[in-house]
Amino acid sequence: MSSAASGLGPSGTTTSVVTIKNKNQRKKRDSNDIGWEFGIPFHAINNEEFDILLEDVGRYGPKGKKPNQHELREKLLQIEVDNTKKLLKVQEEDWAKSGCSIMIDAWTNRKRRSIMNLCLHCSVGINFLESKQVSDEPHTGEMIFNYVNGFIDRVGAHNVVQVVTDNASDNMATNERLYVKRPNIFWSSCETHTINLMLEGIGKLARFKKTLDQAKALTIFIYGHHRTLALMRRFTKKRDIVRLGVIRFASNFLTLQSLHEKKN
């Protein structure tokens, strides 16, 4: 049989193309299987690190070996720690030039553990520094001040411009102690928390409270019954009426706006 009859070019070009396509398809299927096996989100495929991984594997060849657990826990982990410290070094250099802001946020996890996060912001960007569990400690102004003050010493008081917290009463007490101890460092309230409190107060006004309560009752009724929910999505072209905002009480007004837009 001639090469033309078999569908092959003079040098077997068609066979090579088919082989490459099959290998590429197999690679995609294997990547897909890993995603399903470990519950990796679909959008993770767009991560640049995944492209780098595939390039490195292809460059090494078919006999490449994956790292074992010990290497991941020890050697490779330490390499990443060292690289992270190098990145932080760039930010530390920026602290001395333009200063930085210390940001504190407390929250409670699903196991009811109270955790306090501490982040640092500068012109280069924001980075998470440490987290402290404070379930056994009272959240007093003195406790928070001691925690923040100790960290200011670590960063360097000459590098800190301000401390940012929310408007809780214990944080207000921290502000007073900070002003006495370090008068050159500003205390600033979190704008997001301030806006959230403003919207909460507006929602309690008689002029708005009744309307917000009615909107809340309506959305609870619609989303609590399958048939009404299906009917609503039919007329809104599968668009939801509940809109979640970045802050809690903004969601109430965003949902109210959504109801107004979709009333017809």
C-alpha atoms as a PDB file:
ATOM      1  CA  MET A   1       0.000   0.000   0.000  1.00  0.00           C
ATOM      2  CA  SER A   2       1.358   3.404  -0.939  1.00  0.00           C
ATOM      3  CA  SER A   3       1.913   6.183   1.565  1.00  0.00           C
ATOM      4  CA  ALA A   4      -0.802   8.241  -0.128  1.00  0.00           C
ATOM      5  CA  ALA A   5      -3.325   5.437   0.268  1.00  0.00           C
ATOM      6  CA  SER A   6      -2.511   4.989   3.946  1.00  0.00           C
ATOM      7  CA  GLY A   7      -2.913   8.705   4.660  1.00  0.00           C
ATOM      8  CA  LEU A   8       0.765   9.203   5.453  1.00  0.00           C
ATOM      9  CA  GLY A   9       3.075  11.795   4.006  1.00  0.00           C
ATOM     10  CA  PRO A  10       6.537  10.992   2.704  1.00  0.00           C
ATOM     11  CA  SER A  11       8.015  11.137   6.198  1.00  0.00           C
ATOM     12  CA  GLY A  12       5.045   9.979   8.260  1.00  0.00           C
ATOM     13  CA  THR A  13       3.904  13.528   9.031  1.00  0.00           C
ATOM     14  CA  THR A  14       0.266  12.578   9.584  1.00  0.00           C
ATOM     15  CA  THR A  15       1.220   9.915  12.115  1.00  0.00           C
ATOM     16  CA  SER A  16       3.349  12.431  14.030  1.00  0.00           C
ATOM     17  CA  VAL A  17       0.526  14.963  14.152  1.00  0.00           C
ATOM     18  CA  VAL A  18      -1.940  12.347  15.401  1.00  0.00           C
ATOM     19  CA  THR A  19       0.530  11.193  18.064  1.00  0.00           C
ATOM     20  CA  ILE A  20       1.069  14.744  19.303  1.00  0.00           C
ATOM     21  CA  LYS A  21      -2.684  15.341  19.443  1.00  0.00           C
ATOM     22  CA  ASN A  22      -3.204  12.125  21.412  1.00  0.00           C
ATOM     23  CA  LYS A  23      -0.472  13.035  23.892  1.00  0.00           C
ATOM     24  CA  ASN A  24      -1.885  16.513  24.315  1.00  0.00           C
ATOM     25  CA  GLN A  25      -5.366  15.096  24.867  1.00  0.00           C
ATOM     26  CA  ARG A  26      -3.993  12.637  27.431  1.00  0.00           C
ATOM     27  CA  LYS A  27      -2.243  15.486  29.252  1.00  0.00           C
ATOM     28  CA  LYS A  28      -5.491  17.447  29.445  1.00  0.00           C
ATOM     29  CA  ARG A  29      -7.401  14.420  30.734  1.00  0.00           C
ATOM     30  CA  ASP A  30      -4.779  13.737  33.412  1.00  0.00           C
ATOM     31  CA  SER A  31      -4.932  17.366  34.530  1.00  0.00           C
ATOM     32  CA  ASN A  32      -8.704  17.122  34.672  1.00  0.00           C
ATOM     33  CA  ASP A  33      -8.561  13.900  36.712  1.00  0.00           C
ATOM     34  CA  ILE A  34      -6.279  15.527  39.290  1.00  0.00           C
ATOM     35  CA  GLY A  35      -8.684  18.445  39.595  1.00  0.00           C
ATOM     36  CA  TRP A  36     -11.650  16.153  40.227  1.00  0.00           C
ATOM     37  CA  GLU A  37      -9.742  13.887  42.601  1.00  0.00           C
ATOM     38  CA  PHE A  38      -8.615  16.685  44.921  1.00  0.00           C
ATOM     39  CA  GLY A  39     -11.491  19.130  44.443  1.00  0.00           C
ATOM     40  CA  ILE A  40      -9.420  21.818  42.728  1.00  0.00           C
ATOM     41  CA  PRO A  41     -11.604  24.673  41.367  1.00  0.00           C
ATOM     42  CA  PHE A  42     -11.849  24.899  37.583  1.00  0.00           C
ATOM     43  CA  HIS A  43     -10.486  28.448  37.490  1.00  0.00           C
ATOM     44  CA  ALA A  44      -7.215  27.205  39.030  1.00  0.00           C
ATOM     45  CA  ILE A  45      -6.228  26.098  35.523  1.00  0.00           C
ATOM     46  CA  ASN A  46      -5.748  29.783  34.672  1.00  0.00           C
ATOM     47  CA  ASN A  47      -3.042  30.133  37.320  1.00  0.00           C
ATOM     48  CA  GLU A  48       0.337  30.991  35.852  1.00  0.00           C
ATOM     49  CA  GLU A  49       2.033  28.568  38.244  1.00  0.00           C
ATOM     50  CA  PHE A  50       0.196  25.675  36.574  1.00  0.00           C
ATOM     51  CA  ASP A  51       1.611  26.702  33.184  1.00  0.00           C
ATOM     52  CA  ILE A  52       5.099  26.825  34.666  1.00  0.00           C
ATOM     53  CA  LEU A  53       4.620  23.339  36.141  1.00  0.00           C
ATOM     54  CA  LEU A  54       3.627  21.857  32.775  1.00  0.00           C
ATOM     55  CA  GLU A  55       6.565  23.532  31.043  1.00  0.00           C
ATOM     56  CA  ASP A  56       9.012  22.212  33.635  1.00  0.00           C
ATOM     57  CA  VAL A  57       7.603  18.682  33.388  1.00  0.00           C
ATOM     58  CA  GLY A  58       7.807  18.750  29.598  1.00  0.00           C
ATOM     59  CA  ARG A  59      11.339  20.137  29.689  1.00  0.00           C
ATOM     60  CA  TYR A  60      12.538  17.395  32.058  1.00  0.00           C
ATOM     61  CA  GLY A  61      11.066  14.508  30.085  1.00  0.00           C
ATOM     62  CA  PRO A  62       9.020  11.364  30.778  1.00  0.00           C
ATOM     63  CA  LYS A  63      11.323  10.045  33.543  1.00  0.00           C
ATOM     64  CA  GLY A  64      10.829  12.943  35.927  1.00  0.00           C
ATOM     65  CA  LYS A  65       9.925  12.103  39.533  1.00  0.00           C
ATOM     66  CA  LYS A  66       7.610  14.000  41.847  1.00  0.00           C
ATOM     67  CA  PRO A  67       8.904  15.218  45.233  1.00  0.00           C
ATOM     68  CA  ASN A  68       8.123  13.056  48.241  1.00  0.00           C
ATOM     69  CA  GLN A  69       6.335  14.245  51.381  1.00  0.00           C
ATOM     70  CA  HIS A  70       9.563  14.733  53.311  1.00  0.00           C
ATOM     71  CA  GLU A  71      10.951  17.041  50.629  1.00  0.00           C
ATOM     72  CA  LEU A  72       7.728  19.051  50.596  1.00  0.00           C
ATOM     73  CA  ARG A  73       7.700  19.386  54.386  1.00  0.00           C
ATOM     74  CA  GLU A  74      11.385  20.134  54.861  1.00  0.00           C
ATOM     75  CA  LYS A  75      13.658  21.196  52.024  1.00  0.00           C
ATOM     76  CA  LEU A  76      11.150  22.677  49.569  1.00  0.00           C
ATOM     77  CA  LEU A  77       9.130  24.341  52.319  1.00  0.00           C
ATOM     78  CA  GLN A  78      12.252  26.002  53.682  1.00  0.00           C
ATOM     79  CA  ILE A  79      13.099  27.270  50.198  1.00  0.00           C
ATOM     80  CA  GLU A  80       9.676  28.908  49.972  1.00  0.00           C
ATOM     81  CA  VAL A  81      10.107  30.419  53.436  1.00  0.00           C
ATOM     82  CA  ASP A  82      13.434  31.923  52.379  1.00  0.00           C
ATOM     83  CA  ASN A  83      11.886  33.300  49.178  1.00  0.00           C
ATOM     84  CA  THR A  84       9.045  34.839  51.186  1.00  0.00           C
ATOM     85  CA  LYS A  85      11.540  36.505  53.509  1.00  0.00           C
ATOM     86  CA  LYS A  86      13.291  37.981  50.488  1.00  0.00           C
ATOM     87  CA  LEU A  87       9.991  39.426  49.274  1.00  0.00           C
ATOM     88  CA  LEU A  88       9.323  40.872  52.722  1.00  0.00           C
ATOM     89  CA  LYS A  89      12.783  42.418  52.666  1.00  0.00           C
ATOM     90  CA  VAL A  90      11.654  44.618  49.783  1.00  0.00           C
ATOM     91  CA  GLN A  91       8.732  45.835  51.868  1.00  0.00           C
ATOM     92  CA  GLU A  92      10.935  46.405  54.899  1.00  0.00           C
ATOM     93  CA  GLU A  93      13.116  48.684  52.805  1.00  0.00           C
ATOM     94  CA  ASP A  94      10.005  50.605  51.786  1.00  0.00           C
ATOM     95  CA  TRP A  95       8.985  51.045  55.439  1.00  0.00           C
ATOM     96  CA  ALA A  96      12.065  53.151  56.030  1.00  0.00           C
ATOM     97  CA  LYS A  97      11.297  55.321  52.984  1.00  0.00           C
ATOM     98  CA  SER A  98       7.563  56.018  53.226  1.00  0.00           C
ATOM     99  CA  GLY A  99       6.431  54.390  56.477  1.00  0.00           C
ATOM    100  CA  CYS A 100       3.740  51.767  56.984  1.00  0.00           C
ATOM    101  CA  SER A 101       0.350  51.155  58.603  1.00  0.00           C
ATOM    102  CA  ILE A 102      -0.442  48.371  61.060  1.00  0.00           C
ATOM    103  CA  MET A 103      -3.929  46.910  60.633  1.00  0.00           C
ATOM    104  CA  ILE A 104      -5.681  44.730  63.211  1.00  0.00           C
ATOM    105  CA  ASP A 105      -8.784  42.615  62.763  1.00  0.00           C
ATOM    106  CA  ALA A 106     -10.397  40.174  65.197  1.00  0.00           C
ATOM    107  CA  TRP A 107     -12.804  37.428  64.170  1.00  0.00           C
ATOM    108  CA  THR A 108     -14.266  34.135  65.387  1.00  0.00           C
ATOM    109  CA  ASN A 109     -13.845  30.903  63.429  1.00  0.00           C
ATOM    110  CA  ARG A 110     -16.306  28.016  63.124  1.00  0.00           C
ATOM    111  CA  LYS A 111     -15.018  26.442  66.332  1.00  0.00           C
ATOM    112  CA  ARG A 112     -15.757  29.666  68.217  1.00  0.00           C
ATOM    113  CA  ARG A 113     -12.088  30.485  68.611  1.00  0.00           C
ATOM    114  CA  SER A 114     -11.311  34.161  68.818  1.00  0.00           C
ATOM    115  CA  ILE A 115      -8.425  35.070  66.522  1.00  0.00           C
ATOM    116  CA  MET A 116      -6.666  38.373  66.033  1.00  0.00           C
ATOM    117  CA  ASN A 117      -4.944  39.011  62.697  1.00  0.00           C
ATOM    118  CA  LEU A 118      -2.235  41.568  62.175  1.00  0.00           C
ATOM    119  CA  CYS A 119      -1.382  42.914  58.723  1.00  0.00           C
ATOM    120  CA  LEU A 120       0.957  45.597  57.497  1.00  0.00           C
ATOM    121  CA  HIS A 121       0.355  48.004  54.626  1.00  0.00           C
ATOM    122  CA  CYS A 122       2.906  50.086  52.759  1.00  0.00           C
ATOM    123  CA  SER A 123       3.260  51.582  49.285  1.00  0.00           C
ATOM    124  CA  VAL A 124       4.490  48.223  47.940  1.00  0.00           C
ATOM    125  CA  GLY A 125       1.377  46.371  49.118  1.00  0.00           C
ATOM    126  CA  ILE A 126      -0.277  44.534  52.002  1.00  0.00           C
ATOM    127  CA  ASN A 127       1.084  41.451  53.689  1.00  0.00           C
ATOM    128  CA  PHE A 128      -0.161  39.233  56.501  1.00  0.00           C
ATOM    129  CA  LEU A 129       2.292  39.136  59.383  1.00  0.00           C
ATOM    130  CA  GLU A 130       0.865  36.975  62.132  1.00  0.00           C
ATOM    131  CA  SER A 131      -2.226  35.601  63.796  1.00  0.00           C
ATOM    132  CA  LYS A 132      -2.851  35.185  67.515  1.00  0.00           C
ATOM    133  CA  GLN A 133      -5.515  33.133  69.269  1.00  0.00           C
ATOM    134  CA  VAL A 134      -7.018  35.173  72.095  1.00  0.00           C
ATOM    135  CA  SER A 135      -9.907  32.946  73.166  1.00  0.00           C
ATOM    136  CA  ASP A 136      -8.637  32.779  76.752  1.00  0.00           C
ATOM    137  CA  GLU A 137      -7.942  36.496  77.061  1.00  0.00           C
ATOM    138  CA  PRO A 138     -10.454  39.297  77.635  1.00  0.00           C
ATOM    139  CA  HIS A 139     -10.605  41.686  74.691  1.00  0.00           C
ATOM    140  CA  THR A 140      -9.761  44.766  76.691  1.00  0.00           C
ATOM    141  CA  GLY A 141      -8.068  47.916  75.498  1.00  0.00           C
ATOM    142  CA  GLU A 142      -5.016  47.049  77.573  1.00  0.00           C
ATOM    143  CA  MET A 143      -4.619  43.595  76.009  1.00  0.00           C
ATOM    144  CA  ILE A 144      -4.934  44.929  72.466  1.00  0.00           C
ATOM    145  CA  PHE A 145      -2.587  47.818  73.209  1.00  0.00           C
ATOM    146  CA  ASN A 146       0.104  45.509  74.602  1.00  0.00           C
ATOM    147  CA  TYR A 147      -0.163  43.318  71.516  1.00  0.00           C
ATOM    148  CA  VAL A 148       0.047  46.251  69.110  1.00  0.00           C
ATOM    149  CA  ASN A 149       2.725  48.043  71.083  1.00  0.00           C
ATOM    150  CA  GLY A 150       4.937  44.970  71.081  1.00  0.00           C
ATOM    151  CA  PHE A 151       4.599  44.680  67.350  1.00  0.00           C
ATOM    152  CA  ILE A 152       5.419  48.351  66.853  1.00  0.00           C
ATOM    153  CA  ASP A 153       8.702  47.666  68.639  1.00  0.00           C
ATOM    154  CA  ARG A 154       9.405  44.795  66.247  1.00  0.00           C
ATOM    155  CA  VAL A 155       8.681  46.849  63.138  1.00  0.00           C
ATOM    156  CA  GLY A 156      10.318  49.969  64.516  1.00  0.00           C
ATOM    157  CA  ALA A 157       8.326  52.897  65.856  1.00  0.00           C
ATOM    158  CA  HIS A 158      10.090  55.238  63.416  1.00  0.00           C
ATOM    159  CA  ASN A 159       8.631  53.196  60.520  1.00  0.00           C
ATOM    160  CA  VAL A 160       4.995  53.175  61.688  1.00  0.00           C
ATOM    161  CA  VAL A 161       2.699  55.996  60.582  1.00  0.00           C
ATOM    162  CA  GLN A 162      -0.642  54.769  61.906  1.00  0.00           C
ATOM    163  CA  VAL A 163      -2.572  51.906  63.474  1.00  0.00           C
ATOM    164  CA  VAL A 164      -5.909  50.984  61.876  1.00  0.00           C
ATOM    165  CA  THR A 165      -8.680  49.192  63.806  1.00  0.00           C
ATOM    166  CA  ASP A 166     -12.463  49.113  63.822  1.00  0.00           C
ATOM    167  CA  ASN A 167     -14.597  51.312  66.084  1.00  0.00           C
ATOM    168  CA  ALA A 168     -15.295  48.812  68.861  1.00  0.00           C
ATOM    169  CA  SER A 169     -15.117  50.214  72.393  1.00  0.00           C
ATOM    170  CA  ASP A 170     -12.045  48.188  73.335  1.00  0.00           C
ATOM    171  CA  ASN A 171     -10.213  49.537  70.293  1.00  0.00           C
ATOM    172  CA  MET A 172     -11.169  53.074  71.271  1.00  0.00           C
ATOM    173  CA  ALA A 173      -9.503  52.420  74.624  1.00  0.00           C
ATOM    174  CA  THR A 174      -6.443  51.235  72.715  1.00  0.00           C
ATOM    175  CA  ASN A 175      -6.400  54.565  70.905  1.00  0.00           C
ATOM    176  CA  GLU A 176      -6.160  56.474  74.176  1.00  0.00           C
ATOM    177  CA  ARG A 177      -3.243  54.378  75.423  1.00  0.00           C
ATOM    178  CA  LEU A 178      -1.487  54.634  72.080  1.00  0.00           C
ATOM    179  CA  TYR A 179      -1.738  58.415  72.108  1.00  0.00           C
ATOM    180  CA  VAL A 180      -0.132  58.580  75.558  1.00  0.00           C
ATOM    181  CA  LYS A 181       2.622  56.070  74.789  1.00  0.00           C
ATOM    182  CA  ARG A 182       3.367  57.022  71.185  1.00  0.00           C
ATOM    183  CA  PRO A 183       1.977  60.482  70.342  1.00  0.00           C
ATOM    184  CA  ASN A 184       3.699  60.486  66.938  1.00  0.00           C
ATOM    185  CA  ILE A 185       1.674  57.502  65.671  1.00  0.00           C
ATOM    186  CA  PHE A 186      -1.865  58.112  64.442  1.00  0.00           C
ATOM    187  CA  TRP A 187      -4.830  55.913  65.248  1.00  0.00           C
ATOM    188  CA  SER A 188      -7.350  55.579  62.403  1.00  0.00           C
ATOM    189  CA  SER A 189     -10.715  53.870  62.333  1.00  0.00           C
ATOM    190  CA  CYS A 190     -11.472  51.380  59.578  1.00  0.00           C
ATOM    191  CA  GLU A 191     -13.507  53.124  56.874  1.00  0.00           C
ATOM    192  CA  THR A 192     -15.339  49.931  55.947  1.00  0.00           C
ATOM    193  CA  HIS A 193     -16.459  49.386  59.533  1.00  0.00           C
ATOM    194  CA  THR A 194     -17.448  53.047  59.832  1.00  0.00           C
ATOM    195  CA  ILE A 195     -19.629  52.857  56.711  1.00  0.00           C
ATOM    196  CA  ASN A 196     -21.147  49.619  57.985  1.00  0.00           C
ATOM    197  CA  LEU A 197     -22.126  51.309  61.255  1.00  0.00           C
ATOM    198  CA  MET A 198     -23.566  54.267  59.339  1.00  0.00           C
ATOM    199  CA  LEU A 199     -25.746  51.989  57.226  1.00  0.00           C
ATOM    200  CA  GLU A 200     -26.828  50.094  60.332  1.00  0.00           C
ATOM    201  CA  GLY A 201     -27.916  53.348  61.944  1.00  0.00           C
ATOM    202  CA  ILE A 202     -29.746  54.498  58.809  1.00  0.00           C
ATOM    203  CA  GLY A 203     -31.555  51.170  58.643  1.00  0.00           C
ATOM    204  CA  LYS A 204     -32.878  51.673  62.171  1.00  0.00           C
ATOM    205  CA  LEU A 205     -34.519  54.991  61.315  1.00  0.00           C
ATOM    206  CA  ALA A 206     -38.309  54.731  61.168  1.00  0.00           C
ATOM    207  CA  ARG A 207     -38.305  56.151  57.652  1.00  0.00           C
ATOM    208  CA  PHE A 208     -36.299  53.189  56.324  1.00  0.00           C
ATOM    209  CA  LYS A 209     -36.810  50.380  58.841  1.00  0.00           C
ATOM    210  CA  LYS A 210     -40.320  49.413  57.714  1.00  0.00           C
ATOM    211  CA  THR A 211     -39.303  49.215  54.050  1.00  0.00           C
ATOM    212  CA  LEU A 212     -36.185  47.179  54.826  1.00  0.00           C
ATOM    213  CA  ASP A 213     -38.172  44.780  57.021  1.00  0.00           C
ATOM    214  CA  GLN A 214     -40.734  44.273  54.254  1.00  0.00           C
ATOM    215  CA  ALA A 215     -37.991  43.623  51.699  1.00  0.00           C
ATOM    216  CA  LYS A 216     -36.360  41.138  54.073  1.00  0.00           C
ATOM    217  CA  ALA A 217     -39.651  39.302  54.646  1.00  0.00           C
ATOM    218  CA  LEU A 218     -40.291  39.156  50.894  1.00  0.00           C
ATOM    219  CA  THR A 219     -36.877  37.723  50.049  1.00  0.00           C
ATOM    220  CA  ILE A 220     -37.108  35.158  52.868  1.00  0.00           C
ATOM    221  CA  PHE A 221     -40.489  34.020  51.548  1.00  0.00           C
ATOM    222  CA  ILE A 222     -39.297  33.774  47.932  1.00  0.00           C
ATOM    223  CA  TYR A 223     -36.071  31.930  48.689  1.00  0.00           C
ATOM    224  CA  GLY A 224     -37.805  29.692  51.221  1.00  0.00           C
ATOM    225  CA  HIS A 225     -40.168  28.132  48.648  1.00  0.00           C
ATOM    226  CA  HIS A 226     -38.970  26.317  45.548  1.00  0.00           C
ATOM    227  CA  ARG A 227     -41.936  27.202  43.342  1.00  0.00           C
ATOM    228  CA  THR A 228     -41.871  30.919  44.124  1.00  0.00           C
ATOM    229  CA  LEU A 229     -38.103  30.959  43.647  1.00  0.00           C
ATOM    230  CA  ALA A 230     -38.409  29.261  40.256  1.00  0.00           C
ATOM    231  CA  LEU A 231     -41.168  31.678  39.253  1.00  0.00           C
ATOM    232  CA  MET A 232     -39.082  34.675  40.317  1.00  0.00           C
ATOM    233  CA  ARG A 233     -36.060  33.495  38.328  1.00  0.00           C
ATOM    234  CA  ARG A 234     -38.291  32.900  35.329  1.00  0.00           C
ATOM    235  CA  PHE A 235     -39.401  36.537  35.212  1.00  0.00           C
ATOM    236  CA  THR A 236     -36.003  37.980  36.179  1.00  0.00           C
ATOM    237  CA  LYS A 237     -34.196  35.884  33.542  1.00  0.00           C
ATOM    238  CA  LYS A 238     -32.462  33.793  36.227  1.00  0.00           C
ATOM    239  CA  ARG A 239     -31.125  36.840  38.044  1.00  0.00           C
ATOM    240  CA  ASP A 240     -31.265  36.803  41.839  1.00  0.00           C
ATOM    241  CA  ILE A 241     -32.793  39.645  43.799  1.00  0.00           C
ATOM    242  CA  VAL A 242     -30.526  39.247  46.811  1.00  0.00           C
ATOM    243  CA  ARG A 243     -27.244  41.096  46.363  1.00  0.00           C
ATOM    244  CA  LEU A 244     -24.427  40.602  48.827  1.00  0.00           C
ATOM    245  CA  GLY A 245     -22.163  43.531  49.591  1.00  0.00           C
ATOM    246  CA  VAL A 246     -18.664  43.673  50.984  1.00  0.00           C
ATOM    247  CA  ILE A 247     -20.085  44.742  54.336  1.00  0.00           C
ATOM    248  CA  ARG A 248     -23.089  43.314  56.170  1.00  0.00           C
ATOM    249  CA  PHE A 249     -25.563  46.199  56.209  1.00  0.00           C
ATOM    250  CA  ALA A 250     -24.747  47.277  52.662  1.00  0.00           C
ATOM    251  CA  SER A 251     -26.384  44.033  51.512  1.00  0.00           C
ATOM    252  CA  ASN A 252     -29.755  45.253  52.827  1.00  0.00           C
ATOM    253  CA  PHE A 253     -29.704  48.375  50.676  1.00  0.00           C
ATOM    254  CA  LEU A 254     -28.256  46.563  47.651  1.00  0.00           C
ATOM    255  CA  THR A 255     -31.071  44.013  47.857  1.00  0.00           C
ATOM    256  CA  LEU A 256     -33.603  46.835  48.133  1.00  0.00           C
ATOM    257  CA  GLN A 257     -32.129  48.426  45.014  1.00  0.00           C
ATOM    258  CA  SER A 258     -32.262  45.068  43.231  1.00  0.00           C
ATOM    259  CA  LEU A 259     -35.955  44.670  44.095  1.00  0.00           C
ATOM    260  CA  HIS A 260     -36.674  48.128  42.724  1.00  0.00           C
ATOM    261  CA  GLU A 261     -34.830  47.381  39.468  1.00  0.00           C
ATOM    262  CA  LYS A 262     -36.685  44.097  38.933  1.00  0.00           C
ATOM    263  CA  LYS A 263     -40.161  45.122  40.074  1.00  0.00           C
ATOM    264  CA  ASN A 264     -41.422  45.207  36.477  1.00  0.00           C
END
